[in-house]
Amino acid sequence: MDAARWDALMRSLDLPLDVATHAALVAAYREPHRHYHTARHIDDCLEKFDTLRDQAAQPDAVELALWFHDAIYDPYKSGNEERSADWAVAFLGGAGASPALAARVRELILATRHEAVAADRDTAILIDVDLSILGADEERYDRFEREVRKEYRWVPRPLFRRERRRILTSFLARERIYATDAFHRRYEEPARANLARAIRALA
């Protein structure tokens, strides 16, 4: 979560430099209950996004949504995406950004609930970037599963296994996990192998 990158994004969006918001985001992603949804996840998302940036219609909006999409993360509560989106909208409003940009960033963040197929190219890019971990090498994917379990360690084991299996199965049941051609080529096959392996382990 490089400060220079944040500053460059603010300049590109023609917004005032905001050291305080950057510091608040860094602090949020360093909360002790996080194990996967950390600054490392955001850095990885930004790195992956750079490979698709030239395909985005509004690349700055997508990047800002990535910075904020897990800013609020409380495993004990639902609605984290909505509250993360609210923070982004409040930030943009205070910075003097257009209502259209705020609305778009909100839409993009809410898409990370992964409840529906992406309706447009930028949303597809954002979702593919967020889900790129599913197509990681086996060692990294297995660490991801352990990190998620740590975040939900308060959930009884049988309940966690059942709900985790349901979530992973829903991804595996999709015709395509990745909407963009580049990520489909790169991650689709390993993601399906990882998901199938994880589901078997949870059975």
N, C-alpha and C. Protein backbone atom coordinates (compact mmCIF):
# COMPACT_ATOMS: atom_id res chain seq x y z
N MET A 1 0.85 -1.20 0.00
CA MET A 1 0.00 0.00 0.00
C MET A 1 0.88 1.24 0.00
N ASP A 2 1.61 1.33 -1.08
CA ASP A 2 2.63 2.35 -1.24
C ASP A 2 2.02 3.76 -1.24
N ALA A 3 2.55 4.63 -0.41
CA ALA A 3 2.05 6.00 -0.31
C ALA A 3 2.23 6.75 -1.62
N ALA A 4 3.32 6.50 -2.32
CA ALA A 4 3.55 7.18 -3.59
C ALA A 4 2.49 6.80 -4.62
N ARG A 5 2.09 5.53 -4.59
CA ARG A 5 1.03 5.10 -5.52
C ARG A 5 -0.29 5.76 -5.18
N TRP A 6 -0.59 5.84 -3.90
CA TRP A 6 -1.81 6.52 -3.46
C TRP A 6 -1.79 7.99 -3.92
N ASP A 7 -0.68 8.66 -3.72
CA ASP A 7 -0.57 10.07 -4.13
C ASP A 7 -0.75 10.21 -5.64
N ALA A 8 -0.17 9.28 -6.40
CA ALA A 8 -0.30 9.33 -7.85
C ALA A 8 -1.75 9.15 -8.27
N LEU A 9 -2.48 8.29 -7.56
CA LEU A 9 -3.90 8.09 -7.87
C LEU A 9 -4.70 9.34 -7.56
N MET A 10 -4.39 10.00 -6.44
CA MET A 10 -5.08 11.24 -6.11
C MET A 10 -4.84 12.29 -7.19
N ARG A 11 -3.62 12.40 -7.66
CA ARG A 11 -3.33 13.39 -8.71
C ARG A 11 -4.06 13.04 -10.00
N SER A 12 -4.10 11.76 -10.33
CA SER A 12 -4.77 11.34 -11.56
C SER A 12 -6.26 11.62 -11.49
N LEU A 13 -6.85 11.50 -10.30
CA LEU A 13 -8.27 11.79 -10.11
C LEU A 13 -8.54 13.27 -9.88
N ASP A 14 -7.47 14.08 -9.86
CA ASP A 14 -7.56 15.51 -9.60
C ASP A 14 -8.19 15.78 -8.23
N LEU A 15 -7.73 14.98 -7.25
CA LEU A 15 -8.19 15.15 -5.87
C LEU A 15 -7.02 15.62 -5.01
N PRO A 16 -7.32 16.29 -3.89
CA PRO A 16 -6.24 16.72 -3.00
C PRO A 16 -5.47 15.52 -2.45
N LEU A 17 -4.17 15.68 -2.26
CA LEU A 17 -3.41 14.63 -1.59
C LEU A 17 -3.95 14.45 -0.18
N ASP A 18 -4.10 13.22 0.25
CA ASP A 18 -4.74 12.94 1.53
C ASP A 18 -3.93 11.90 2.29
N VAL A 19 -2.97 12.39 3.04
CA VAL A 19 -2.11 11.51 3.82
C VAL A 19 -2.90 10.80 4.91
N ALA A 20 -3.86 11.51 5.48
CA ALA A 20 -4.62 10.95 6.60
C ALA A 20 -5.45 9.74 6.17
N THR A 21 -6.09 9.84 5.01
CA THR A 21 -6.91 8.71 4.55
C THR A 21 -6.03 7.52 4.20
N HIS A 22 -4.90 7.78 3.57
CA HIS A 22 -3.97 6.68 3.28
C HIS A 22 -3.54 6.00 4.58
N ALA A 23 -3.19 6.78 5.59
CA ALA A 23 -2.77 6.22 6.88
C ALA A 23 -3.90 5.42 7.52
N ALA A 24 -5.13 5.92 7.39
CA ALA A 24 -6.27 5.21 7.98
C ALA A 24 -6.51 3.89 7.27
N LEU A 25 -6.34 3.86 5.96
CA LEU A 25 -6.50 2.61 5.22
C LEU A 25 -5.41 1.61 5.61
N VAL A 26 -4.19 2.07 5.68
CA VAL A 26 -3.10 1.18 6.09
C VAL A 26 -3.37 0.60 7.47
N ALA A 27 -3.82 1.45 8.39
CA ALA A 27 -4.12 0.98 9.75
C ALA A 27 -5.25 -0.05 9.73
N ALA A 28 -6.26 0.19 8.90
CA ALA A 28 -7.39 -0.74 8.82
C ALA A 28 -6.93 -2.11 8.35
N TYR A 29 -6.11 -2.13 7.31
CA TYR A 29 -5.65 -3.40 6.77
C TYR A 29 -4.62 -4.09 7.66
N ARG A 30 -4.17 -3.41 8.70
CA ARG A 30 -3.25 -4.02 9.67
C ARG A 30 -3.95 -4.48 10.93
N GLU A 31 -5.26 -4.44 10.97
CA GLU A 31 -5.99 -4.88 12.16
C GLU A 31 -5.62 -6.32 12.51
N PRO A 32 -5.46 -6.62 13.80
CA PRO A 32 -4.91 -7.92 14.19
C PRO A 32 -5.79 -9.12 13.86
N HIS A 33 -7.08 -8.91 13.65
CA HIS A 33 -7.94 -10.05 13.34
C HIS A 33 -7.85 -10.46 11.87
N ARG A 34 -7.14 -9.69 11.07
CA ARG A 34 -7.01 -10.01 9.64
C ARG A 34 -5.82 -10.95 9.42
N HIS A 35 -6.03 -11.90 8.54
CA HIS A 35 -4.94 -12.81 8.18
C HIS A 35 -4.78 -12.91 6.66
N TYR A 36 -5.89 -12.86 5.95
CA TYR A 36 -5.82 -12.79 4.48
C TYR A 36 -6.15 -11.39 3.99
N HIS A 37 -7.17 -10.77 4.53
CA HIS A 37 -7.65 -9.47 4.05
C HIS A 37 -6.79 -8.34 4.62
N THR A 38 -5.54 -8.36 4.25
CA THR A 38 -4.53 -7.46 4.79
C THR A 38 -4.00 -6.54 3.69
N ALA A 39 -3.00 -5.74 4.06
CA ALA A 39 -2.33 -4.89 3.07
C ALA A 39 -1.69 -5.72 1.98
N ARG A 40 -1.25 -6.91 2.32
CA ARG A 40 -0.65 -7.79 1.30
C ARG A 40 -1.67 -8.12 0.22
N HIS A 41 -2.92 -8.35 0.61
CA HIS A 41 -3.97 -8.63 -0.37
C HIS A 41 -4.17 -7.43 -1.29
N ILE A 42 -4.19 -6.24 -0.72
CA ILE A 42 -4.38 -5.04 -1.55
C ILE A 42 -3.20 -4.85 -2.50
N ASP A 43 -2.01 -5.03 -1.99
CA ASP A 43 -0.83 -4.90 -2.86
C ASP A 43 -0.88 -5.91 -4.00
N ASP A 44 -1.29 -7.12 -3.68
CA ASP A 44 -1.39 -8.15 -4.71
C ASP A 44 -2.45 -7.78 -5.74
N CYS A 45 -3.58 -7.28 -5.27
CA CYS A 45 -4.65 -6.85 -6.18
C CYS A 45 -4.16 -5.73 -7.10
N LEU A 46 -3.47 -4.77 -6.55
CA LEU A 46 -2.97 -3.65 -7.36
C LEU A 46 -1.96 -4.13 -8.39
N GLU A 47 -1.12 -5.07 -8.00
CA GLU A 47 -0.14 -5.62 -8.94
C GLU A 47 -0.85 -6.36 -10.07
N LYS A 48 -1.86 -7.16 -9.72
CA LYS A 48 -2.62 -7.89 -10.74
C LYS A 48 -3.38 -6.91 -11.63
N PHE A 49 -3.93 -5.87 -11.03
CA PHE A 49 -4.68 -4.89 -11.81
C PHE A 49 -3.81 -4.21 -12.85
N ASP A 50 -2.57 -3.99 -12.52
CA ASP A 50 -1.67 -3.33 -13.47
C ASP A 50 -1.57 -4.09 -14.79
N THR A 51 -1.78 -5.41 -14.75
CA THR A 51 -1.70 -6.20 -15.98
C THR A 51 -2.95 -6.04 -16.85
N LEU A 52 -4.02 -5.50 -16.27
CA LEU A 52 -5.27 -5.30 -17.01
C LEU A 52 -5.66 -3.83 -17.12
N ARG A 53 -4.87 -2.98 -16.55
CA ARG A 53 -5.24 -1.56 -16.45
C ARG A 53 -5.60 -0.95 -17.80
N ASP A 54 -4.84 -1.30 -18.84
CA ASP A 54 -5.08 -0.68 -20.14
C ASP A 54 -6.39 -1.14 -20.78
N GLN A 55 -7.03 -2.14 -20.18
CA GLN A 55 -8.32 -2.61 -20.70
C GLN A 55 -9.52 -1.95 -20.01
N ALA A 56 -9.25 -1.18 -18.95
CA ALA A 56 -10.34 -0.58 -18.17
C ALA A 56 -10.79 0.74 -18.78
N ALA A 57 -12.10 0.98 -18.73
CA ALA A 57 -12.64 2.25 -19.21
C ALA A 57 -12.36 3.37 -18.22
N GLN A 58 -12.46 3.05 -16.94
CA GLN A 58 -12.18 4.02 -15.87
C GLN A 58 -11.17 3.40 -14.90
N PRO A 59 -9.92 3.32 -15.32
CA PRO A 59 -8.93 2.62 -14.49
C PRO A 59 -8.74 3.23 -13.11
N ASP A 60 -8.84 4.54 -12.99
CA ASP A 60 -8.65 5.16 -11.67
C ASP A 60 -9.77 4.79 -10.73
N ALA A 61 -10.99 4.70 -11.25
CA ALA A 61 -12.13 4.30 -10.40
C ALA A 61 -11.94 2.86 -9.93
N VAL A 62 -11.49 1.98 -10.83
CA VAL A 62 -11.25 0.59 -10.45
C VAL A 62 -10.16 0.51 -9.39
N GLU A 63 -9.08 1.27 -9.59
CA GLU A 63 -7.99 1.22 -8.62
C GLU A 63 -8.44 1.73 -7.26
N LEU A 64 -9.19 2.82 -7.24
CA LEU A 64 -9.67 3.33 -5.95
C LEU A 64 -10.58 2.31 -5.26
N ALA A 65 -11.42 1.64 -6.03
CA ALA A 65 -12.29 0.60 -5.46
C ALA A 65 -11.45 -0.52 -4.86
N LEU A 66 -10.35 -0.86 -5.50
CA LEU A 66 -9.48 -1.90 -4.94
C LEU A 66 -8.88 -1.46 -3.61
N TRP A 67 -8.46 -0.21 -3.51
CA TRP A 67 -7.91 0.29 -2.24
C TRP A 67 -8.92 0.15 -1.11
N PHE A 68 -10.20 0.39 -1.41
CA PHE A 68 -11.21 0.45 -0.35
C PHE A 68 -12.02 -0.84 -0.17
N HIS A 69 -11.91 -1.82 -1.09
CA HIS A 69 -12.95 -2.85 -1.13
C HIS A 69 -13.01 -3.72 0.12
N ASP A 70 -11.92 -3.87 0.86
CA ASP A 70 -11.95 -4.61 2.12
C ASP A 70 -11.55 -3.72 3.30
N ALA A 71 -11.74 -2.42 3.15
CA ALA A 71 -11.29 -1.49 4.19
C ALA A 71 -11.99 -1.76 5.52
N ILE A 72 -13.26 -2.09 5.46
CA ILE A 72 -14.00 -2.52 6.65
C ILE A 72 -14.13 -4.03 6.57
N TYR A 73 -13.57 -4.71 7.56
CA TYR A 73 -13.62 -6.17 7.54
C TYR A 73 -13.78 -6.69 8.96
N ASP A 74 -15.01 -7.06 9.27
CA ASP A 74 -15.34 -7.62 10.58
C ASP A 74 -15.98 -8.99 10.35
N PRO A 75 -15.24 -10.06 10.60
CA PRO A 75 -15.77 -11.41 10.33
C PRO A 75 -17.02 -11.74 11.14
N TYR A 76 -17.30 -10.97 12.18
CA TYR A 76 -18.47 -11.23 13.01
C TYR A 76 -19.74 -10.60 12.42
N LYS A 77 -19.60 -9.78 11.40
CA LYS A 77 -20.73 -9.04 10.85
C LYS A 77 -20.82 -9.21 9.35
N SER A 78 -22.03 -9.06 8.83
CA SER A 78 -22.23 -8.98 7.39
C SER A 78 -22.24 -7.50 7.00
N GLY A 79 -22.27 -7.24 5.71
CA GLY A 79 -22.35 -5.87 5.25
C GLY A 79 -21.01 -5.15 5.21
N ASN A 80 -19.91 -5.90 5.25
CA ASN A 80 -18.60 -5.24 5.21
C ASN A 80 -18.38 -4.48 3.91
N GLU A 81 -18.83 -5.04 2.79
CA GLU A 81 -18.66 -4.35 1.51
C GLU A 81 -19.44 -3.04 1.48
N GLU A 82 -20.66 -3.06 2.03
CA GLU A 82 -21.45 -1.84 2.06
C GLU A 82 -20.78 -0.75 2.90
N ARG A 83 -20.23 -1.15 4.03
CA ARG A 83 -19.58 -0.17 4.90
C ARG A 83 -18.25 0.30 4.30
N SER A 84 -17.55 -0.57 3.60
CA SER A 84 -16.34 -0.15 2.89
C SER A 84 -16.70 0.85 1.79
N ALA A 85 -17.79 0.56 1.07
CA ALA A 85 -18.26 1.48 0.03
C ALA A 85 -18.67 2.82 0.63
N ASP A 86 -19.33 2.79 1.78
CA ASP A 86 -19.72 4.03 2.45
C ASP A 86 -18.50 4.89 2.79
N TRP A 87 -17.44 4.24 3.25
CA TRP A 87 -16.22 4.97 3.57
C TRP A 87 -15.65 5.61 2.31
N ALA A 88 -15.60 4.87 1.23
CA ALA A 88 -15.07 5.41 -0.03
C ALA A 88 -15.90 6.59 -0.51
N VAL A 89 -17.22 6.47 -0.43
CA VAL A 89 -18.10 7.55 -0.87
C VAL A 89 -17.92 8.79 0.01
N ALA A 90 -17.81 8.58 1.31
CA ALA A 90 -17.59 9.71 2.22
C ALA A 90 -16.26 10.39 1.93
N PHE A 91 -15.23 9.59 1.68
CA PHE A 91 -13.92 10.15 1.33
C PHE A 91 -14.02 10.98 0.06
N LEU A 92 -14.64 10.43 -0.97
CA LEU A 92 -14.74 11.13 -2.24
C LEU A 92 -15.58 12.40 -2.12
N GLY A 93 -16.64 12.33 -1.34
CA GLY A 93 -17.46 13.52 -1.13
C GLY A 93 -16.68 14.62 -0.44
N GLY A 94 -15.92 14.25 0.58
CA GLY A 94 -15.12 15.23 1.29
C GLY A 94 -13.99 15.79 0.45
N ALA A 95 -13.53 15.02 -0.54
CA ALA A 95 -12.44 15.48 -1.40
C ALA A 95 -12.92 16.29 -2.58
N GLY A 96 -14.24 16.41 -2.73
CA GLY A 96 -14.78 17.21 -3.82
C GLY A 96 -14.92 16.46 -5.13
N ALA A 97 -14.91 15.13 -5.09
CA ALA A 97 -15.07 14.34 -6.31
C ALA A 97 -16.50 14.42 -6.81
N SER A 98 -16.70 14.10 -8.06
CA SER A 98 -18.03 14.17 -8.64
C SER A 98 -18.92 13.07 -8.07
N PRO A 99 -20.22 13.33 -7.95
CA PRO A 99 -21.14 12.28 -7.50
C PRO A 99 -21.10 11.06 -8.41
N ALA A 100 -20.84 11.26 -9.70
CA ALA A 100 -20.78 10.14 -10.64
C ALA A 100 -19.62 9.21 -10.30
N LEU A 101 -18.47 9.78 -9.97
CA LEU A 101 -17.32 8.96 -9.59
C LEU A 101 -17.62 8.21 -8.30
N ALA A 102 -18.19 8.88 -7.32
CA ALA A 102 -18.51 8.23 -6.05
C ALA A 102 -19.48 7.08 -6.25
N ALA A 103 -20.49 7.30 -7.09
CA ALA A 103 -21.47 6.24 -7.35
C ALA A 103 -20.82 5.05 -8.04
N ARG A 104 -19.92 5.35 -8.97
CA ARG A 104 -19.26 4.25 -9.70
C ARG A 104 -18.35 3.44 -8.78
N VAL A 105 -17.59 4.11 -7.94
CA VAL A 105 -16.72 3.41 -7.00
C VAL A 105 -17.56 2.56 -6.05
N ARG A 106 -18.68 3.10 -5.63
CA ARG A 106 -19.56 2.33 -4.76
C ARG A 106 -20.04 1.05 -5.45
N GLU A 107 -20.46 1.17 -6.70
CA GLU A 107 -20.91 0.00 -7.46
C GLU A 107 -19.81 -1.05 -7.56
N LEU A 108 -18.61 -0.58 -7.84
CA LEU A 108 -17.49 -1.51 -8.00
C LEU A 108 -17.19 -2.25 -6.69
N ILE A 109 -17.17 -1.53 -5.59
CA ILE A 109 -16.89 -2.18 -4.30
C ILE A 109 -17.97 -3.21 -3.97
N LEU A 110 -19.23 -2.85 -4.20
CA LEU A 110 -20.31 -3.78 -3.89
C LEU A 110 -20.25 -5.03 -4.76
N ALA A 111 -19.64 -4.93 -5.92
CA ALA A 111 -19.50 -6.11 -6.80
C ALA A 111 -18.60 -7.17 -6.17
N THR A 112 -17.76 -6.78 -5.21
CA THR A 112 -16.88 -7.77 -4.57
C THR A 112 -17.64 -8.67 -3.59
N ARG A 113 -18.94 -8.49 -3.47
CA ARG A 113 -19.76 -9.47 -2.75
C ARG A 113 -19.88 -10.76 -3.56
N HIS A 114 -19.56 -10.67 -4.86
CA HIS A 114 -19.55 -11.84 -5.75
C HIS A 114 -20.90 -12.54 -5.81
N GLU A 115 -21.94 -11.73 -5.84
CA GLU A 115 -23.29 -12.31 -5.88
C GLU A 115 -23.81 -12.47 -7.30
N ALA A 116 -23.20 -11.78 -8.25
CA ALA A 116 -23.72 -11.83 -9.61
C ALA A 116 -22.56 -11.73 -10.60
N VAL A 117 -22.84 -12.11 -11.83
CA VAL A 117 -21.86 -11.99 -12.90
C VAL A 117 -21.66 -10.52 -13.21
N ALA A 118 -20.44 -10.13 -13.52
CA ALA A 118 -20.13 -8.73 -13.80
C ALA A 118 -20.95 -8.23 -14.98
N ALA A 119 -21.48 -7.01 -14.84
CA ALA A 119 -22.34 -6.44 -15.88
C ALA A 119 -21.58 -5.61 -16.89
N ASP A 120 -20.32 -5.30 -16.61
CA ASP A 120 -19.55 -4.46 -17.52
C ASP A 120 -18.07 -4.80 -17.38
N ARG A 121 -17.27 -4.25 -18.28
CA ARG A 121 -15.86 -4.60 -18.36
C ARG A 121 -15.09 -4.24 -17.09
N ASP A 122 -15.28 -3.04 -16.57
CA ASP A 122 -14.52 -2.63 -15.40
C ASP A 122 -14.87 -3.48 -14.17
N THR A 123 -16.13 -3.82 -14.04
CA THR A 123 -16.53 -4.69 -12.93
C THR A 123 -15.91 -6.07 -13.09
N ALA A 124 -15.86 -6.56 -14.32
CA ALA A 124 -15.24 -7.86 -14.58
C ALA A 124 -13.76 -7.84 -14.20
N ILE A 125 -13.09 -6.76 -14.55
CA ILE A 125 -11.66 -6.63 -14.20
C ILE A 125 -11.48 -6.65 -12.69
N LEU A 126 -12.29 -5.86 -11.99
CA LEU A 126 -12.19 -5.79 -10.53
C LEU A 126 -12.42 -7.15 -9.89
N ILE A 127 -13.47 -7.85 -10.33
CA ILE A 127 -13.78 -9.14 -9.75
C ILE A 127 -12.69 -10.16 -10.05
N ASP A 128 -12.21 -10.16 -11.29
CA ASP A 128 -11.14 -11.10 -11.64
C ASP A 128 -9.90 -10.86 -10.79
N VAL A 129 -9.57 -9.61 -10.57
CA VAL A 129 -8.40 -9.29 -9.74
C VAL A 129 -8.62 -9.78 -8.32
N ASP A 130 -9.79 -9.55 -7.77
CA ASP A 130 -10.07 -9.96 -6.39
C ASP A 130 -10.05 -11.48 -6.25
N LEU A 131 -10.44 -12.18 -7.31
CA LEU A 131 -10.50 -13.65 -7.25
C LEU A 131 -9.23 -14.32 -7.77
N SER A 132 -8.23 -13.56 -8.11
CA SER A 132 -7.02 -14.15 -8.68
C SER A 132 -6.35 -15.14 -7.72
N ILE A 133 -6.57 -14.97 -6.42
CA ILE A 133 -5.98 -15.88 -5.43
C ILE A 133 -6.44 -17.32 -5.67
N LEU A 134 -7.64 -17.50 -6.23
CA LEU A 134 -8.14 -18.86 -6.46
C LEU A 134 -7.26 -19.61 -7.44
N GLY A 135 -6.58 -18.89 -8.32
CA GLY A 135 -5.73 -19.51 -9.30
C GLY A 135 -4.26 -19.49 -8.95
N ALA A 136 -3.95 -19.22 -7.71
CA ALA A 136 -2.55 -19.20 -7.27
C ALA A 136 -1.97 -20.61 -7.27
N ASP A 137 -0.66 -20.71 -7.10
CA ASP A 137 -0.06 -22.04 -6.99
C ASP A 137 -0.59 -22.72 -5.72
N GLU A 138 -0.44 -24.03 -5.67
CA GLU A 138 -1.07 -24.80 -4.59
C GLU A 138 -0.63 -24.33 -3.20
N GLU A 139 0.64 -24.05 -3.03
CA GLU A 139 1.14 -23.64 -1.72
C GLU A 139 0.48 -22.33 -1.28
N ARG A 140 0.42 -21.37 -2.19
CA ARG A 140 -0.19 -20.07 -1.84
C ARG A 140 -1.68 -20.23 -1.63
N TYR A 141 -2.34 -21.04 -2.43
CA TYR A 141 -3.78 -21.23 -2.25
C TYR A 141 -4.07 -21.89 -0.90
N ASP A 142 -3.29 -22.89 -0.54
CA ASP A 142 -3.51 -23.56 0.74
C ASP A 142 -3.29 -22.60 1.91
N ARG A 143 -2.31 -21.70 1.77
CA ARG A 143 -2.11 -20.69 2.81
C ARG A 143 -3.31 -19.76 2.89
N PHE A 144 -3.86 -19.40 1.75
CA PHE A 144 -5.08 -18.57 1.70
C PHE A 144 -6.21 -19.24 2.48
N GLU A 145 -6.42 -20.53 2.28
CA GLU A 145 -7.48 -21.22 3.00
C GLU A 145 -7.22 -21.21 4.51
N ARG A 146 -5.97 -21.41 4.90
CA ARG A 146 -5.64 -21.37 6.34
C ARG A 146 -5.87 -19.97 6.91
N GLU A 147 -5.54 -18.95 6.13
CA GLU A 147 -5.71 -17.57 6.60
C GLU A 147 -7.19 -17.22 6.76
N VAL A 148 -8.00 -17.68 5.83
CA VAL A 148 -9.45 -17.44 5.96
C VAL A 148 -9.99 -18.15 7.20
N ARG A 149 -9.54 -19.36 7.43
CA ARG A 149 -10.01 -20.08 8.61
C ARG A 149 -9.63 -19.35 9.89
N LYS A 150 -8.44 -18.76 9.93
CA LYS A 150 -8.02 -17.99 11.11
C LYS A 150 -8.94 -16.80 11.34
N GLU A 151 -9.37 -16.18 10.26
CA GLU A 151 -10.27 -15.03 10.40
C GLU A 151 -11.63 -15.45 10.93
N TYR A 152 -11.98 -16.70 10.71
CA TYR A 152 -13.27 -17.22 11.19
C TYR A 152 -13.06 -18.34 12.21
N ARG A 153 -12.01 -18.21 12.99
CA ARG A 153 -11.70 -19.27 13.95
C ARG A 153 -12.75 -19.41 15.04
N TRP A 154 -13.59 -18.40 15.21
CA TRP A 154 -14.65 -18.45 16.21
C TRP A 154 -15.85 -19.28 15.74
N VAL A 155 -15.89 -19.59 14.44
CA VAL A 155 -16.99 -20.39 13.90
C VAL A 155 -16.73 -21.86 14.18
N PRO A 156 -17.68 -22.59 14.74
CA PRO A 156 -17.48 -24.03 15.00
C PRO A 156 -17.05 -24.76 13.72
N ARG A 157 -16.17 -25.72 13.88
CA ARG A 157 -15.56 -26.39 12.72
C ARG A 157 -16.59 -26.98 11.76
N PRO A 158 -17.60 -27.71 12.22
CA PRO A 158 -18.56 -28.28 11.27
C PRO A 158 -19.30 -27.21 10.47
N LEU A 159 -19.68 -26.12 11.13
CA LEU A 159 -20.38 -25.04 10.44
C LEU A 159 -19.46 -24.36 9.44
N PHE A 160 -18.23 -24.10 9.84
CA PHE A 160 -17.29 -23.47 8.91
C PHE A 160 -17.08 -24.34 7.69
N ARG A 161 -16.86 -25.61 7.89
CA ARG A 161 -16.60 -26.51 6.76
C ARG A 161 -17.80 -26.55 5.80
N ARG A 162 -18.99 -26.58 6.36
CA ARG A 162 -20.19 -26.62 5.51
C ARG A 162 -20.34 -25.33 4.69
N GLU A 163 -20.19 -24.19 5.36
CA GLU A 163 -20.37 -22.92 4.66
C GLU A 163 -19.23 -22.64 3.68
N ARG A 164 -18.02 -23.02 4.06
CA ARG A 164 -16.89 -22.83 3.15
C ARG A 164 -17.04 -23.70 1.92
N ARG A 165 -17.48 -24.92 2.12
CA ARG A 165 -17.72 -25.83 1.00
C ARG A 165 -18.80 -25.27 0.07
N ARG A 166 -19.83 -24.68 0.64
CA ARG A 166 -20.90 -24.09 -0.17
C ARG A 166 -20.36 -22.94 -1.03
N ILE A 167 -19.54 -22.08 -0.42
CA ILE A 167 -18.99 -20.93 -1.14
C ILE A 167 -18.07 -21.39 -2.27
N LEU A 168 -17.18 -22.31 -1.96
CA LEU A 168 -16.24 -22.77 -2.99
C LEU A 168 -16.96 -23.50 -4.11
N THR A 169 -17.98 -24.26 -3.76
CA THR A 169 -18.75 -24.98 -4.78
C THR A 169 -19.46 -24.02 -5.72
N SER A 170 -19.91 -22.89 -5.17
CA SER A 170 -20.60 -21.90 -6.01
C SER A 170 -19.67 -21.32 -7.06
N PHE A 171 -18.39 -21.13 -6.70
CA PHE A 171 -17.43 -20.64 -7.69
C PHE A 171 -17.14 -21.73 -8.73
N LEU A 172 -16.98 -22.94 -8.28
CA LEU A 172 -16.66 -24.03 -9.18
C LEU A 172 -17.80 -24.29 -10.16
N ALA A 173 -19.04 -24.01 -9.75
CA ALA A 173 -20.21 -24.26 -10.59
C ALA A 173 -20.37 -23.23 -11.71
N ARG A 174 -19.63 -22.13 -11.65
CA ARG A 174 -19.76 -21.10 -12.68
C ARG A 174 -19.23 -21.61 -14.02
N GLU A 175 -19.86 -21.16 -15.09
CA GLU A 175 -19.37 -21.50 -16.42
C GLU A 175 -17.95 -21.00 -16.61
N ARG A 176 -17.70 -19.78 -16.14
CA ARG A 176 -16.36 -19.20 -16.13
C ARG A 176 -16.14 -18.53 -14.79
N ILE A 177 -15.01 -18.80 -14.15
CA ILE A 177 -14.68 -18.08 -12.92
C ILE A 177 -14.17 -16.70 -13.26
N TYR A 178 -13.39 -16.60 -14.33
CA TYR A 178 -12.77 -15.34 -14.73
C TYR A 178 -13.39 -14.84 -16.03
N ALA A 179 -13.85 -13.60 -16.01
CA ALA A 179 -14.54 -13.03 -17.16
C ALA A 179 -13.59 -12.50 -18.22
N THR A 180 -12.46 -11.95 -17.79
CA THR A 180 -11.52 -11.41 -18.77
C THR A 180 -10.75 -12.55 -19.41
N ASP A 181 -10.47 -12.41 -20.69
CA ASP A 181 -9.77 -13.48 -21.41
C ASP A 181 -8.39 -13.74 -20.83
N ALA A 182 -7.67 -12.66 -20.46
CA ALA A 182 -6.31 -12.82 -19.95
C ALA A 182 -6.30 -13.64 -18.67
N PHE A 183 -7.19 -13.34 -17.74
CA PHE A 183 -7.21 -14.07 -16.48
C PHE A 183 -7.82 -15.47 -16.66
N HIS A 184 -8.75 -15.60 -17.59
CA HIS A 184 -9.30 -16.92 -17.88
C HIS A 184 -8.20 -17.85 -18.36
N ARG A 185 -7.37 -17.35 -19.26
CA ARG A 185 -6.27 -18.18 -19.76
C ARG A 185 -5.26 -18.50 -18.66
N ARG A 186 -4.99 -17.55 -17.81
CA ARG A 186 -3.93 -17.71 -16.82
C ARG A 186 -4.37 -18.47 -15.58
N TYR A 187 -5.60 -18.23 -15.11
CA TYR A 187 -5.98 -18.71 -13.78
C TYR A 187 -7.12 -19.73 -13.76
N GLU A 188 -7.89 -19.86 -14.84
CA GLU A 188 -9.09 -20.69 -14.78
C GLU A 188 -8.77 -22.14 -14.40
N GLU A 189 -7.85 -22.75 -15.10
CA GLU A 189 -7.53 -24.15 -14.84
C GLU A 189 -6.98 -24.39 -13.44
N PRO A 190 -5.96 -23.62 -13.00
CA PRO A 190 -5.48 -23.84 -11.63
C PRO A 190 -6.52 -23.50 -10.58
N ALA A 191 -7.38 -22.52 -10.84
CA ALA A 191 -8.42 -22.19 -9.87
C ALA A 191 -9.38 -23.35 -9.69
N ARG A 192 -9.77 -23.96 -10.77
CA ARG A 192 -10.70 -25.10 -10.68
C ARG A 192 -10.05 -26.28 -9.96
N ALA A 193 -8.77 -26.48 -10.22
CA ALA A 193 -8.07 -27.56 -9.52
C ALA A 193 -7.97 -27.26 -8.02
N ASN A 194 -7.65 -26.02 -7.67
CA ASN A 194 -7.56 -25.64 -6.26
C ASN A 194 -8.90 -25.78 -5.55
N LEU A 195 -9.96 -25.31 -6.21
CA LEU A 195 -11.29 -25.37 -5.60
C LEU A 195 -11.73 -26.82 -5.39
N ALA A 196 -11.52 -27.65 -6.39
CA ALA A 196 -11.91 -29.05 -6.27
C ALA A 196 -11.15 -29.73 -5.13
N ARG A 197 -9.87 -29.42 -5.04
CA ARG A 197 -9.03 -30.00 -3.98
C ARG A 197 -9.49 -29.53 -2.61
N ALA A 198 -9.81 -28.24 -2.49
CA ALA A 198 -10.26 -27.70 -1.21
C ALA A 198 -11.60 -28.26 -0.80
N ILE A 199 -12.50 -28.43 -1.77
CA ILE A 199 -13.80 -28.99 -1.48
C ILE A 199 -13.67 -30.43 -0.98
N ARG A 200 -12.80 -31.20 -1.60
CA ARG A 200 -12.57 -32.58 -1.13
C ARG A 200 -12.04 -32.58 0.29
N ALA A 201 -11.15 -31.64 0.60
CA ALA A 201 -10.57 -31.57 1.94
C ALA A 201 -11.62 -31.20 2.99
N LEU A 202 -12.63 -30.46 2.57
CA LEU A 202 -13.68 -30.02 3.49
C LEU A 202 -14.79 -31.05 3.65
N ALA A 203 -14.81 -32.05 2.79
CA ALA A 203 -15.89 -33.05 2.81
C ALA A 203 -15.87 -33.85 4.10
